[in-house]
């Protein structure tokens, strides 16, 4: 979800897997439908960070109202084949697995650890289960896990 009305850049991507809103996404290795970049959730170290999946309301003209679909855990997400809005520059609300401060590094989880899933953000590597990101910083301070603001400036 958009945090502030500032200079921002988003692009439309494609995925052949379901992508939740507000998670970090990475380059999926190939071009998808209609020459859109293919993105995926991170699954291993050494990924190319593309940005954060953002909710965008789209009227589709069919039974899908554009609000996304609730999965089995009642989390809203983009389904396979949906146009996915990815933010590369600007401020965005994301879920942080632990408390953050504005001078903490930003890491993106690529390996499951109990209930912690790929695509979430944190401030450390969690024993090599997350990679540090560049051109991204925390834009707020929190006291526990939960929503936090990221500033993205991905070229």
Protein backbone atom coordinates (compact mmCIF):
# COMPACT_ATOMS: atom_id res chain seq x y z
CA UNK A 1 0.00 0.00 0.00
CA UNK A 2 1.24 3.47 -0.88
CA UNK A 3 2.70 5.30 2.12
CA UNK A 4 3.26 8.88 0.85
CA UNK A 5 2.44 10.85 -2.29
CA UNK A 6 5.98 11.35 -3.61
CA UNK A 7 8.02 10.64 -6.72
CA UNK A 8 7.36 7.00 -7.46
CA UNK A 9 7.69 4.45 -10.22
CA UNK A 10 5.69 1.26 -10.67
CA UNK A 11 5.58 -1.26 -13.50
CA UNK A 12 3.26 -4.08 -14.49
CA UNK A 13 4.59 -7.62 -14.29
CA UNK A 14 3.46 -11.20 -14.81
CA UNK A 15 3.86 -14.30 -12.65
CA UNK A 16 3.04 -17.96 -13.07
CA UNK A 17 2.54 -18.28 -9.29
CA UNK A 18 0.23 -16.46 -6.86
CA UNK A 19 1.84 -13.31 -5.37
CA UNK A 20 0.55 -11.75 -2.11
CA UNK A 21 0.22 -7.97 -1.80
CA UNK A 22 3.08 -6.10 -0.07
CA UNK A 23 5.88 -8.64 -0.46
CA UNK A 24 9.30 -8.35 -2.03
CA UNK A 25 9.48 -9.86 -5.52
CA UNK A 26 12.43 -10.90 -7.65
CA UNK A 27 13.23 -11.39 -11.33
CA UNK A 28 11.63 -14.63 -12.50
CA UNK A 29 14.17 -15.49 -15.18
CA UNK A 30 12.09 -15.02 -18.33
CA UNK A 31 9.68 -12.63 -20.01
CA UNK A 32 6.04 -13.48 -19.42
CA UNK A 33 2.93 -12.73 -21.45
CA UNK A 34 2.82 -9.58 -23.59
CA UNK A 35 6.52 -8.78 -22.96
CA UNK A 36 5.93 -7.96 -19.29
CA UNK A 37 8.73 -8.87 -16.88
CA UNK A 38 8.15 -12.17 -15.10
CA UNK A 39 8.47 -11.96 -11.31
CA UNK A 40 8.46 -14.49 -8.49
CA UNK A 41 8.80 -14.78 -4.75
CA UNK A 42 12.45 -15.22 -3.73
CA UNK A 43 13.38 -18.90 -3.33
CA UNK A 44 17.19 -18.86 -2.99
CA UNK A 45 20.05 -16.50 -2.27
CA UNK A 46 21.52 -14.39 -5.08
CA UNK A 47 18.26 -13.02 -6.51
CA UNK A 48 17.66 -9.78 -8.44
CA UNK A 49 15.27 -7.68 -6.31
CA UNK A 50 12.62 -6.04 -8.50
CA UNK A 51 10.47 -4.22 -5.91
CA UNK A 52 7.33 -4.69 -3.80
CA UNK A 53 4.01 -6.06 -5.09
CA UNK A 54 1.35 -3.39 -4.56
CA UNK A 55 -2.42 -3.57 -4.59
CA UNK A 56 -4.04 -1.81 -7.54
CA UNK A 57 -7.80 -1.82 -8.05
CA UNK A 58 -8.60 -2.81 -11.64
CA UNK A 59 -12.02 -3.31 -13.15
CA UNK A 60 -11.76 -6.40 -15.34
CA UNK A 61 -15.25 -6.65 -16.83
CA UNK A 62 -15.74 -10.21 -15.60
CA UNK A 63 -16.61 -11.79 -12.24
CA UNK A 64 -13.21 -10.80 -10.80
CA UNK A 65 -13.72 -7.33 -9.30
CA UNK A 66 -9.99 -6.56 -9.26
CA UNK A 67 -9.64 -6.71 -5.49
CA UNK A 68 -7.53 -9.86 -5.59
CA UNK A 69 -8.51 -13.28 -4.31
CA UNK A 70 -8.45 -14.59 -0.75
CA UNK A 71 -6.30 -17.69 -0.46
CA UNK A 72 -6.80 -20.50 2.07
CA UNK A 73 -5.29 -18.38 4.87
CA UNK A 74 -7.57 -15.41 3.98
CA UNK A 75 -4.65 -13.34 2.65
CA UNK A 76 -5.38 -11.26 -0.44
CA UNK A 77 -3.11 -11.98 -3.40
CA UNK A 78 -2.67 -11.73 -7.15
CA UNK A 79 -3.65 -14.94 -8.88
CA UNK A 80 -1.70 -16.63 -11.69
CA UNK A 81 -1.95 -14.53 -14.85
CA UNK A 82 -3.09 -11.30 -13.11
CA UNK A 83 -1.37 -8.03 -13.96
CA UNK A 84 0.86 -7.39 -10.93
CA UNK A 85 1.79 -3.84 -9.97
CA UNK A 86 5.38 -3.69 -8.67
CA UNK A 87 6.75 -0.55 -7.00
CA UNK A 88 10.45 0.23 -7.67
CA UNK A 89 10.66 3.78 -6.35
CA UNK A 90 8.78 5.55 -3.56
CA UNK A 91 7.46 4.70 -0.12
CA UNK A 92 5.46 1.56 0.60
CA UNK A 93 4.04 -0.22 3.66
CA UNK A 94 5.42 -3.75 4.12
CA UNK A 95 5.39 -6.41 6.83
CA UNK A 96 8.58 -6.58 8.88
CA UNK A 97 9.23 -9.80 10.77
CA UNK A 98 10.95 -7.91 13.61
CA UNK A 99 11.28 -4.37 14.99
CA UNK A 100 13.12 -1.91 12.73
CA UNK A 101 14.91 1.42 13.08
CA UNK A 102 15.70 3.90 10.32
CA UNK A 103 19.42 3.06 10.32
CA UNK A 104 18.94 -0.74 10.22
CA UNK A 105 19.83 -2.66 7.04
CA UNK A 106 16.99 -4.16 4.98
CA UNK A 107 16.93 -7.91 4.27
CA UNK A 108 14.48 -9.90 2.11
CA UNK A 109 13.60 -13.45 3.19
CA UNK A 110 14.14 -16.18 0.58
CA UNK A 111 13.87 -19.31 2.75
CA UNK A 112 10.99 -20.40 5.00
CA UNK A 113 11.71 -20.45 8.74
CA UNK A 114 8.72 -21.78 10.67
CA UNK A 115 5.88 -19.27 10.03
CA UNK A 116 8.22 -16.73 8.34
CA UNK A 117 7.75 -16.88 4.57
CA UNK A 118 9.69 -15.70 1.49
CA UNK A 119 9.00 -12.13 0.41
CA UNK A 120 8.89 -10.70 3.94
CA UNK A 121 11.38 -8.10 5.17
CA UNK A 122 13.63 -7.97 8.25
CA UNK A 123 16.89 -6.40 9.56
CA UNK A 124 19.24 -9.41 9.56
CA UNK A 125 20.08 -12.55 7.58
CA UNK A 126 18.30 -14.97 9.97
CA UNK A 127 21.11 -17.52 9.62
CA UNK A 128 21.43 -17.17 5.82
CA UNK A 129 17.66 -17.29 5.15
CA UNK A 130 17.51 -13.66 3.93
CA UNK A 131 19.70 -11.45 1.69
CA UNK A 132 20.55 -7.80 2.27
CA UNK A 133 19.07 -5.33 -0.22
CA UNK A 134 20.65 -2.20 -1.67
CA UNK A 135 18.82 0.98 -2.71
CA UNK A 136 16.22 0.32 0.02
CA UNK A 137 15.96 1.76 3.54
CA UNK A 138 13.56 1.79 6.46
CA UNK A 139 11.61 5.06 6.62
CA UNK A 140 10.20 4.56 10.13
CA UNK A 141 10.89 2.97 13.51
CA UNK A 142 8.81 0.17 15.02
CA UNK A 143 8.88 -1.59 18.39
CA UNK A 144 7.86 -5.07 17.21
CA UNK A 145 7.01 -7.12 14.13
CA UNK A 146 4.32 -5.57 11.97
CA UNK A 147 3.81 -2.89 9.35
CA UNK A 148 6.75 -0.63 8.52
CA UNK A 149 7.51 1.85 5.75
CA UNK A 150 10.23 1.13 3.18
CA UNK A 151 11.76 3.72 0.88
CA UNK A 152 12.60 2.14 -2.48
CA UNK A 153 15.00 3.60 -5.03
CA UNK A 154 15.69 0.73 -7.41
CA UNK A 155 17.26 1.75 -10.74
